[in-house]
């Protein structure tokens, strides 16, 4: 019999995957580049949440380290894309 934590983790996985699908749809059909950057940033955060929920579900530390790497990479890429959209170049 499944415990409450297993059912909760499964529900969280489904919710995060639905959110990732919505972000992917906005990334593909977004009317402007700013909408696409925002959708990509939200997709990175959803990927990080997915790794955290999987870490809770399976009880291993590897997923939490992977979530930290996803978060750092997502932050740096969002800053680079935003700087490119504002100024037209990344490195001055």
PDB file of N, CA and C in Angstrom:
ATOM      1  N   UNK A   1       0.837  -1.177   0.000  1.00  0.00           N
ATOM      2  CA  UNK A   1       0.000   0.000   0.000  1.00  0.00           C
ATOM      3  C   UNK A   1       0.884   1.243   0.000  1.00  0.00           C
ATOM      4  N   UNK A   2       0.528   2.187  -0.817  1.00  0.00           N
ATOM      5  CA  UNK A   2       1.332   3.394  -0.976  1.00  0.00           C
ATOM      6  C   UNK A   2       1.090   4.349   0.191  1.00  0.00           C
ATOM      7  N   UNK A   3       2.145   5.020   0.587  1.00  0.00           N
ATOM      8  CA  UNK A   3       2.033   5.967   1.685  1.00  0.00           C
ATOM      9  C   UNK A   3       1.565   7.324   1.158  1.00  0.00           C
ATOM     10  N   UNK A   4       1.268   8.206   2.091  1.00  0.00           N
ATOM     11  CA  UNK A   4       0.800   9.536   1.734  1.00  0.00           C
ATOM     12  C   UNK A   4       1.897  10.316   0.993  1.00  0.00           C
ATOM     13  N   UNK A   5       3.156  10.115   1.391  1.00  0.00           N
ATOM     14  CA  UNK A   5       4.257  10.812   0.726  1.00  0.00           C
ATOM     15  C   UNK A   5       4.396  10.375  -0.731  1.00  0.00           C
ATOM     16  N   UNK A   6       4.210   9.096  -0.999  1.00  0.00           N
ATOM     17  CA  UNK A   6       4.301   8.613  -2.375  1.00  0.00           C
ATOM     18  C   UNK A   6       3.194   9.198  -3.246  1.00  0.00           C
ATOM     19  N   UNK A   7       1.974   9.257  -2.714  1.00  0.00           N
ATOM     20  CA  UNK A   7       0.863   9.839  -3.478  1.00  0.00           C
ATOM     21  C   UNK A   7       1.071  11.341  -3.686  1.00  0.00           C
ATOM     22  N   UNK A   8       1.574  12.011  -2.670  1.00  0.00           N
ATOM     23  CA  UNK A   8       1.821  13.444  -2.783  1.00  0.00           C
ATOM     24  C   UNK A   8       2.921  13.729  -3.797  1.00  0.00           C
ATOM     25  N   UNK A   9       3.978  12.938  -3.790  1.00  0.00           N
ATOM     26  CA  UNK A   9       5.056  13.111  -4.759  1.00  0.00           C
ATOM     27  C   UNK A   9       4.575  12.830  -6.172  1.00  0.00           C
ATOM     28  N   UNK A  10       3.712  11.839  -6.326  1.00  0.00           N
ATOM     29  CA  UNK A  10       3.159  11.548  -7.646  1.00  0.00           C
ATOM     30  C   UNK A  10       2.292  12.704  -8.147  1.00  0.00           C
ATOM     31  N   UNK A  11       1.465  13.258  -7.265  1.00  0.00           N
ATOM     32  CA  UNK A  11       0.634  14.408  -7.626  1.00  0.00           C
ATOM     33  C   UNK A  11       1.504  15.616  -7.985  1.00  0.00           C
ATOM     34  N   UNK A  12       2.570  15.832  -7.217  1.00  0.00           N
ATOM     35  CA  UNK A  12       3.478  16.943  -7.510  1.00  0.00           C
ATOM     36  C   UNK A  12       4.177  16.744  -8.850  1.00  0.00           C
ATOM     37  N   UNK A  13       4.560  15.502  -9.157  1.00  0.00           N
ATOM     38  CA  UNK A  13       5.185  15.214 -10.451  1.00  0.00           C
ATOM     39  C   UNK A  13       4.241  15.524 -11.606  1.00  0.00           C
ATOM     40  N   UNK A  14       2.987  15.139 -11.461  1.00  0.00           N
ATOM     41  CA  UNK A  14       2.005  15.408 -12.510  1.00  0.00           C
ATOM     42  C   UNK A  14       1.799  16.909 -12.680  1.00  0.00           C
ATOM     43  N   UNK A  15       1.693  17.637 -11.566  1.00  0.00           N
ATOM     44  CA  UNK A  15       1.501  19.090 -11.637  1.00  0.00           C
ATOM     45  C   UNK A  15       2.691  19.789 -12.295  1.00  0.00           C
ATOM     46  N   UNK A  16       3.897  19.371 -11.936  1.00  0.00           N
ATOM     47  CA  UNK A  16       5.095  19.980 -12.528  1.00  0.00           C
ATOM     48  C   UNK A  16       5.170  19.663 -14.016  1.00  0.00           C
ATOM     49  N   UNK A  17       4.836  18.442 -14.405  1.00  0.00           N
ATOM     50  CA  UNK A  17       4.872  18.081 -15.827  1.00  0.00           C
ATOM     51  C   UNK A  17       3.824  18.849 -16.633  1.00  0.00           C
ATOM     52  N   UNK A  18       2.650  19.085 -16.061  1.00  0.00           N
ATOM     53  CA  UNK A  18       1.639  19.904 -16.739  1.00  0.00           C
ATOM     54  C   UNK A  18       2.142  21.332 -16.890  1.00  0.00           C
ATOM     55  N   UNK A  19       2.771  21.854 -15.847  1.00  0.00           N
ATOM     56  CA  UNK A  19       3.345  23.196 -15.927  1.00  0.00           C
ATOM     57  C   UNK A  19       4.452  23.294 -16.965  1.00  0.00           C
ATOM     58  N   UNK A  20       5.268  22.255 -17.054  1.00  0.00           N
ATOM     59  CA  UNK A  20       6.326  22.240 -18.063  1.00  0.00           C
ATOM     60  C   UNK A  20       5.744  22.197 -19.471  1.00  0.00           C
ATOM     61  N   UNK A  21       4.650  21.470 -19.633  1.00  0.00           N
ATOM     62  CA  UNK A  21       3.983  21.443 -20.941  1.00  0.00           C
ATOM     63  C   UNK A  21       3.454  22.806 -21.332  1.00  0.00           C
ATOM     64  N   UNK A  22       2.854  23.510 -20.372  1.00  0.00           N
ATOM     65  CA  UNK A  22       2.352  24.862 -20.650  1.00  0.00           C
ATOM     66  C   UNK A  22       3.493  25.816 -20.991  1.00  0.00           C
ATOM     67  N   UNK A  23       4.611  25.687 -20.290  1.00  0.00           N
ATOM     68  CA  UNK A  23       5.772  26.540 -20.585  1.00  0.00           C
ATOM     69  C   UNK A  23       6.349  26.226 -21.964  1.00  0.00           C
ATOM     70  N   UNK A  24       6.402  24.955 -22.308  1.00  0.00           N
ATOM     71  CA  UNK A  24       6.913  24.583 -23.631  1.00  0.00           C
ATOM     72  C   UNK A  24       6.014  25.119 -24.739  1.00  0.00           C
ATOM     73  N   UNK A  25       4.713  25.099 -24.492  1.00  0.00           N
ATOM     74  CA  UNK A  25       3.780  25.652 -25.473  1.00  0.00           C
ATOM     75  C   UNK A  25       4.002  27.156 -25.636  1.00  0.00           C
ATOM     76  N   UNK A  26       4.172  27.880 -24.533  1.00  0.00           N
ATOM     77  CA  UNK A  26       4.423  29.324 -24.602  1.00  0.00           C
ATOM     78  C   UNK A  26       5.776  29.601 -25.257  1.00  0.00           C
ATOM     79  N   UNK A  27       6.744  28.716 -25.029  1.00  0.00           N
ATOM     80  CA  UNK A  27       8.058  28.886 -25.648  1.00  0.00           C
ATOM     81  C   UNK A  27       7.974  28.756 -27.162  1.00  0.00           C
ATOM     82  N   UNK A  28       7.133  27.859 -27.631  1.00  0.00           N
ATOM     83  CA  UNK A  28       7.010  27.650 -29.073  1.00  0.00           C
ATOM     84  C   UNK A  28       6.132  28.692 -29.757  1.00  0.00           C
ATOM     85  N   UNK A  29       5.057  29.131 -29.090  1.00  0.00           N
ATOM     86  CA  UNK A  29       4.107  30.023 -29.752  1.00  0.00           C
ATOM     87  C   UNK A  29       4.164  31.453 -29.237  1.00  0.00           C
ATOM     88  N   UNK A  30       5.076  31.750 -28.321  1.00  0.00           N
ATOM     89  CA  UNK A  30       5.098  33.087 -27.721  1.00  0.00           C
ATOM     90  C   UNK A  30       5.143  34.195 -28.756  1.00  0.00           C
ATOM     91  N   UNK A  31       4.324  35.237 -28.571  1.00  0.00           N
ATOM     92  CA  UNK A  31       4.262  36.283 -29.583  1.00  0.00           C
ATOM     93  C   UNK A  31       5.540  37.128 -29.663  1.00  0.00           C
ATOM     94  N   UNK A  32       6.275  37.268 -28.565  1.00  0.00           N
ATOM     95  CA  UNK A  32       7.487  38.088 -28.609  1.00  0.00           C
ATOM     96  C   UNK A  32       8.655  37.318 -27.996  1.00  0.00           C
ATOM     97  N   UNK A  33       9.832  37.869 -28.190  1.00  0.00           N
ATOM     98  CA  UNK A  33      11.032  37.231 -27.640  1.00  0.00           C
ATOM     99  C   UNK A  33      11.040  37.302 -26.117  1.00  0.00           C
ATOM    100  N   UNK A  34      10.455  38.351 -25.562  1.00  0.00           N
ATOM    101  CA  UNK A  34      10.399  38.488 -24.108  1.00  0.00           C
ATOM    102  C   UNK A  34       9.529  37.395 -23.487  1.00  0.00           C
ATOM    103  N   UNK A  35       8.431  37.061 -24.147  1.00  0.00           N
ATOM    104  CA  UNK A  35       7.588  35.967 -23.666  1.00  0.00           C
ATOM    105  C   UNK A  35       8.327  34.642 -23.721  1.00  0.00           C
ATOM    106  N   UNK A  36       9.109  34.458 -24.747  1.00  0.00           N
ATOM    107  CA  UNK A  36       9.858  33.208 -24.884  1.00  0.00           C
ATOM    108  C   UNK A  36      10.946  33.085 -23.820  1.00  0.00           C
ATOM    109  N   UNK A  37      11.619  34.198 -23.497  1.00  0.00           N
ATOM    110  CA  UNK A  37      12.644  34.167 -22.453  1.00  0.00           C
ATOM    111  C   UNK A  37      12.000  33.871 -21.104  1.00  0.00           C
ATOM    112  N   UNK A  38      10.859  34.474 -20.829  1.00  0.00           N
ATOM    113  CA  UNK A  38      10.157  34.216 -19.584  1.00  0.00           C
ATOM    114  C   UNK A  38       9.693  32.759 -19.510  1.00  0.00           C
ATOM    115  N   UNK A  39       9.211  32.210 -20.613  1.00  0.00           N
ATOM    116  CA  UNK A  39       8.802  30.805 -20.639  1.00  0.00           C
ATOM    117  C   UNK A  39      10.004  29.883 -20.442  1.00  0.00           C
ATOM    118  N   UNK A  40      11.140  30.233 -21.022  1.00  0.00           N
ATOM    119  CA  UNK A  40      12.347  29.422 -20.842  1.00  0.00           C
ATOM    120  C   UNK A  40      12.812  29.460 -19.399  1.00  0.00           C
ATOM    121  N   UNK A  41      12.734  30.622 -18.771  1.00  0.00           N
ATOM    122  CA  UNK A  41      13.118  30.739 -17.369  1.00  0.00           C
ATOM    123  C   UNK A  41      12.181  29.909 -16.489  1.00  0.00           C
ATOM    124  N   UNK A  42      10.906  29.952 -16.769  1.00  0.00           N
ATOM    125  CA  UNK A  42       9.954  29.164 -16.004  1.00  0.00           C
ATOM    126  C   UNK A  42      10.147  27.671 -16.256  1.00  0.00           C
ATOM    127  N   UNK A  43      10.554  27.316 -17.470  1.00  0.00           N
ATOM    128  CA  UNK A  43      10.836  25.915 -17.780  1.00  0.00           C
ATOM    129  C   UNK A  43      12.053  25.418 -16.997  1.00  0.00           C
ATOM    130  N   UNK A  44      13.071  26.267 -16.857  1.00  0.00           N
ATOM    131  CA  UNK A  44      14.240  25.912 -16.049  1.00  0.00           C
ATOM    132  C   UNK A  44      13.827  25.670 -14.603  1.00  0.00           C
ATOM    133  N   UNK A  45      12.980  26.575 -14.076  1.00  0.00           N
ATOM    134  CA  UNK A  45      12.544  26.421 -12.687  1.00  0.00           C
ATOM    135  C   UNK A  45      11.691  25.172 -12.505  1.00  0.00           C
ATOM    136  N   UNK A  46      10.875  24.865 -13.487  1.00  0.00           N
ATOM    137  CA  UNK A  46      10.065  23.647 -13.418  1.00  0.00           C
ATOM    138  C   UNK A  46      10.949  22.403 -13.477  1.00  0.00           C
ATOM    139  N   UNK A  47      11.992  22.450 -14.273  1.00  0.00           N
ATOM    140  CA  UNK A  47      12.946  21.337 -14.319  1.00  0.00           C
ATOM    141  C   UNK A  47      13.654  21.147 -12.987  1.00  0.00           C
ATOM    142  N   UNK A  48      13.975  22.267 -12.336  1.00  0.00           N
ATOM    143  CA  UNK A  48      14.595  22.190 -11.021  1.00  0.00           C
ATOM    144  C   UNK A  48      13.621  21.588 -10.003  1.00  0.00           C
ATOM    145  N   UNK A  49      12.354  22.011 -10.062  1.00  0.00           N
ATOM    146  CA  UNK A  49      11.350  21.444  -9.170  1.00  0.00           C
ATOM    147  C   UNK A  49      11.131  19.959  -9.433  1.00  0.00           C
ATOM    148  N   UNK A  50      11.190  19.566 -10.698  1.00  0.00           N
ATOM    149  CA  UNK A  50      11.049  18.151 -11.048  1.00  0.00           C
ATOM    150  C   UNK A  50      12.169  17.328 -10.417  1.00  0.00           C
ATOM    151  N   UNK A  51      13.391  17.844 -10.478  1.00  0.00           N
ATOM    152  CA  UNK A  51      14.520  17.130  -9.868  1.00  0.00           C
ATOM    153  C   UNK A  51      14.365  17.055  -8.352  1.00  0.00           C
ATOM    154  N   UNK A  52      13.857  18.110  -7.725  1.00  0.00           N
ATOM    155  CA  UNK A  52      13.660  18.093  -6.278  1.00  0.00           C
ATOM    156  C   UNK A  52      12.591  17.084  -5.886  1.00  0.00           C
ATOM    157  N   UNK A  53      11.489  17.060  -6.616  1.00  0.00           N
ATOM    158  CA  UNK A  53      10.421  16.106  -6.306  1.00  0.00           C
ATOM    159  C   UNK A  53      10.912  14.666  -6.517  1.00  0.00           C
ATOM    160  N   UNK A  54      11.684  14.441  -7.562  1.00  0.00           N
ATOM    161  CA  UNK A  54      12.241  13.092  -7.764  1.00  0.00           C
ATOM    162  C   UNK A  54      13.206  12.717  -6.645  1.00  0.00           C
ATOM    163  N   UNK A  55      13.970  13.700  -6.162  1.00  0.00           N
ATOM    164  CA  UNK A  55      14.857  13.439  -5.024  1.00  0.00           C
ATOM    165  C   UNK A  55      14.098  13.075  -3.775  1.00  0.00           C
ATOM    166  N   UNK A  56      12.968  13.743  -3.543  1.00  0.00           N
ATOM    167  CA  UNK A  56      12.136  13.407  -2.386  1.00  0.00           C
ATOM    168  C   UNK A  56      11.510  12.026  -2.570  1.00  0.00           C
ATOM    169  N   UNK A  57      11.044  11.765  -3.781  1.00  0.00           N
ATOM    170  CA  UNK A  57      10.352  10.487  -4.035  1.00  0.00           C
ATOM    171  C   UNK A  57      11.291   9.288  -3.886  1.00  0.00           C
ATOM    172  N   UNK A  58      12.507   9.395  -4.423  1.00  0.00           N
ATOM    173  CA  UNK A  58      13.434   8.267  -4.370  1.00  0.00           C
ATOM    174  C   UNK A  58      14.405   8.327  -3.198  1.00  0.00           C
ATOM    175  N   UNK A  59      14.473   9.444  -2.506  1.00  0.00           N
ATOM    176  CA  UNK A  59      15.294   9.543  -1.304  1.00  0.00           C
ATOM    177  C   UNK A  59      16.790   9.534  -1.546  1.00  0.00           C
ATOM    178  N   UNK A  60      17.255  10.110  -2.647  1.00  0.00           N
ATOM    179  CA  UNK A  60      18.684  10.179  -2.912  1.00  0.00           C
ATOM    180  C   UNK A  60      19.141  11.632  -2.982  1.00  0.00           C
ATOM    181  N   UNK A  61      20.398  11.860  -2.676  1.00  0.00           N
ATOM    182  CA  UNK A  61      20.952  13.214  -2.665  1.00  0.00           C
ATOM    183  C   UNK A  61      21.361  13.694  -4.055  1.00  0.00           C
ATOM    184  N   UNK A  62      21.519  12.801  -4.997  1.00  0.00           N
ATOM    185  CA  UNK A  62      21.996  13.152  -6.332  1.00  0.00           C
ATOM    186  C   UNK A  62      21.037  14.120  -7.019  1.00  0.00           C
ATOM    187  N   UNK A  63      19.751  13.901  -6.841  1.00  0.00           N
ATOM    188  CA  UNK A  63      18.767  14.762  -7.484  1.00  0.00           C
ATOM    189  C   UNK A  63      18.825  16.195  -6.955  1.00  0.00           C
ATOM    190  N   UNK A  64      19.146  16.360  -5.675  1.00  0.00           N
ATOM    191  CA  UNK A  64      19.228  17.703  -5.114  1.00  0.00           C
ATOM    192  C   UNK A  64      20.434  18.463  -5.662  1.00  0.00           C
ATOM    193  N   UNK A  65      21.540  17.772  -5.846  1.00  0.00           N
ATOM    194  CA  UNK A  65      22.710  18.401  -6.462  1.00  0.00           C
ATOM    195  C   UNK A  65      22.432  18.747  -7.924  1.00  0.00           C
ATOM    196  N   UNK A  66      21.721  17.866  -8.598  1.00  0.00           N
ATOM    197  CA  UNK A  66      21.339  18.118  -9.979  1.00  0.00           C
ATOM    198  C   UNK A  66      20.403  19.326 -10.068  1.00  0.00           C
ATOM    199  N   UNK A  67      19.503  19.466  -9.097  1.00  0.00           N
ATOM    200  CA  UNK A  67      18.596  20.615  -9.067  1.00  0.00           C
ATOM    201  C   UNK A  67      19.363  21.908  -8.852  1.00  0.00           C
ATOM    202  N   UNK A  68      20.407  21.862  -8.040  1.00  0.00           N
ATOM    203  CA  UNK A  68      21.226  23.059  -7.827  1.00  0.00           C
ATOM    204  C   UNK A  68      21.948  23.454  -9.112  1.00  0.00           C
ATOM    205  N   UNK A  69      22.456  22.477  -9.847  1.00  0.00           N
ATOM    206  CA  UNK A  69      23.119  22.774 -11.121  1.00  0.00           C
ATOM    207  C   UNK A  69      22.137  23.337 -12.147  1.00  0.00           C
ATOM    208  N   UNK A  70      20.929  22.801 -12.177  1.00  0.00           N
ATOM    209  CA  UNK A  70      19.909  23.316 -13.082  1.00  0.00           C
ATOM    210  C   UNK A  70      19.568  24.755 -12.733  1.00  0.00           C
ATOM    211  N   UNK A  71      19.434  25.050 -11.447  1.00  0.00           N
ATOM    212  CA  UNK A  71      19.119  26.405 -11.012  1.00  0.00           C
ATOM    213  C   UNK A  71      20.203  27.403 -11.375  1.00  0.00           C
ATOM    214  N   UNK A  72      21.461  27.030 -11.165  1.00  0.00           N
ATOM    215  CA  UNK A  72      22.570  27.935 -11.514  1.00  0.00           C
ATOM    216  C   UNK A  72      22.661  28.157 -13.016  1.00  0.00           C
ATOM    217  N   UNK A  73      22.527  27.108 -13.787  1.00  0.00           N
ATOM    218  CA  UNK A  73      22.579  27.232 -15.244  1.00  0.00           C
ATOM    219  C   UNK A  73      21.412  28.059 -15.763  1.00  0.00           C
ATOM    220  N   UNK A  74      20.241  27.850 -15.203  1.00  0.00           N
ATOM    221  CA  UNK A  74      19.069  28.610 -15.616  1.00  0.00           C
ATOM    222  C   UNK A  74      19.206  30.085 -15.313  1.00  0.00           C
ATOM    223  N   UNK A  75      19.743  30.417 -14.145  1.00  0.00           N
ATOM    224  CA  UNK A  75      19.924  31.817 -13.784  1.00  0.00           C
ATOM    225  C   UNK A  75      20.899  32.515 -14.723  1.00  0.00           C
ATOM    226  N   UNK A  76      22.036  31.892 -14.982  1.00  0.00           N
ATOM    227  CA  UNK A  76      23.042  32.492 -15.851  1.00  0.00           C
ATOM    228  C   UNK A  76      22.522  32.647 -17.273  1.00  0.00           C
ATOM    229  N   UNK A  77      21.808  31.644 -17.764  1.00  0.00           N
ATOM    230  CA  UNK A  77      21.286  31.742 -19.133  1.00  0.00           C
ATOM    231  C   UNK A  77      20.193  32.792 -19.246  1.00  0.00           C
ATOM    232  N   UNK A  78      19.369  32.939 -18.226  1.00  0.00           N
ATOM    233  CA  UNK A  78      18.331  33.966 -18.264  1.00  0.00           C
ATOM    234  C   UNK A  78      18.943  35.362 -18.244  1.00  0.00           C
ATOM    235  N   UNK A  79      19.967  35.556 -17.434  1.00  0.00           N
ATOM    236  CA  UNK A  79      20.642  36.856 -17.403  1.00  0.00           C
ATOM    237  C   UNK A  79      21.297  37.154 -18.745  1.00  0.00           C
ATOM    238  N   UNK A  80      21.924  36.152 -19.357  1.00  0.00           N
ATOM    239  CA  UNK A  80      22.566  36.361 -20.655  1.00  0.00           C
ATOM    240  C   UNK A  80      21.545  36.678 -21.745  1.00  0.00           C
ATOM    241  N   UNK A  81      20.439  35.952 -21.773  1.00  0.00           N
ATOM    242  CA  UNK A  81      19.405  36.218 -22.784  1.00  0.00           C
ATOM    243  C   UNK A  81      18.763  37.588 -22.586  1.00  0.00           C
ATOM    244  N   UNK A  82      18.530  37.975 -21.345  1.00  0.00           N
ATOM    245  CA  UNK A  82      17.945  39.286 -21.070  1.00  0.00           C
ATOM    246  C   UNK A  82      18.900  40.398 -21.472  1.00  0.00           C
ATOM    247  N   UNK A  83      20.170  40.230 -21.178  1.00  0.00           N
ATOM    248  CA  UNK A  83      21.152  41.235 -21.577  1.00  0.00           C
ATOM    249  C   UNK A  83      21.242  41.327 -23.097  1.00  0.00           C
ATOM    250  N   UNK A  84      21.143  40.196 -23.770  1.00  0.00           N
ATOM    251  CA  UNK A  84      21.168  40.211 -25.227  1.00  0.00           C
ATOM    252  C   UNK A  84      19.942  40.928 -25.792  1.00  0.00           C
ATOM    253  N   UNK A  85      18.775  40.702 -25.212  1.00  0.00           N
ATOM    254  CA  UNK A  85      17.566  41.362 -25.705  1.00  0.00           C
ATOM    255  C   UNK A  85      17.587  42.869 -25.448  1.00  0.00           C
ATOM    256  N   UNK A  86      18.180  43.285 -24.338  1.00  0.00           N
ATOM    257  CA  UNK A  86      18.214  44.706 -24.015  1.00  0.00           C
ATOM    258  C   UNK A  86      19.271  45.443 -24.822  1.00  0.00           C
ATOM    259  N   UNK A  87      20.492  44.930 -24.868  1.00  0.00           N
ATOM    260  CA  UNK A  87      21.602  45.651 -25.481  1.00  0.00           C
ATOM    261  C   UNK A  87      22.007  45.152 -26.862  1.00  0.00           C
ATOM    262  N   UNK A  88      21.643  43.935 -27.206  1.00  0.00           N
ATOM    263  CA  UNK A  88      22.018  43.398 -28.504  1.00  0.00           C
ATOM    264  C   UNK A  88      23.334  42.673 -28.520  1.00  0.00           C
ATOM    265  N   UNK A  89      24.034  42.638 -27.364  1.00  0.00           N
ATOM    266  CA  UNK A  89      25.286  41.905 -27.269  1.00  0.00           C
ATOM    267  C   UNK A  89      25.427  41.398 -25.830  1.00  0.00           C
ATOM    268  N   UNK A  90      26.188  40.350 -25.652  1.00  0.00           N
ATOM    269  CA  UNK A  90      26.348  39.772 -24.320  1.00  0.00           C
ATOM    270  C   UNK A  90      27.648  40.247 -23.703  1.00  0.00           C
ATOM    271  N   UNK A  91      28.720  40.196 -24.465  1.00  0.00           N
ATOM    272  CA  UNK A  91      30.034  40.598 -23.953  1.00  0.00           C
ATOM    273  C   UNK A  91      30.365  41.974 -24.508  1.00  0.00           C
ATOM    274  N   UNK A  92      30.702  42.875 -23.600  1.00  0.00           N
ATOM    275  CA  UNK A  92      30.993  44.250 -24.044  1.00  0.00           C
ATOM    276  C   UNK A  92      32.465  44.461 -24.279  1.00  0.00           C
TER     277      UNK A  92
END
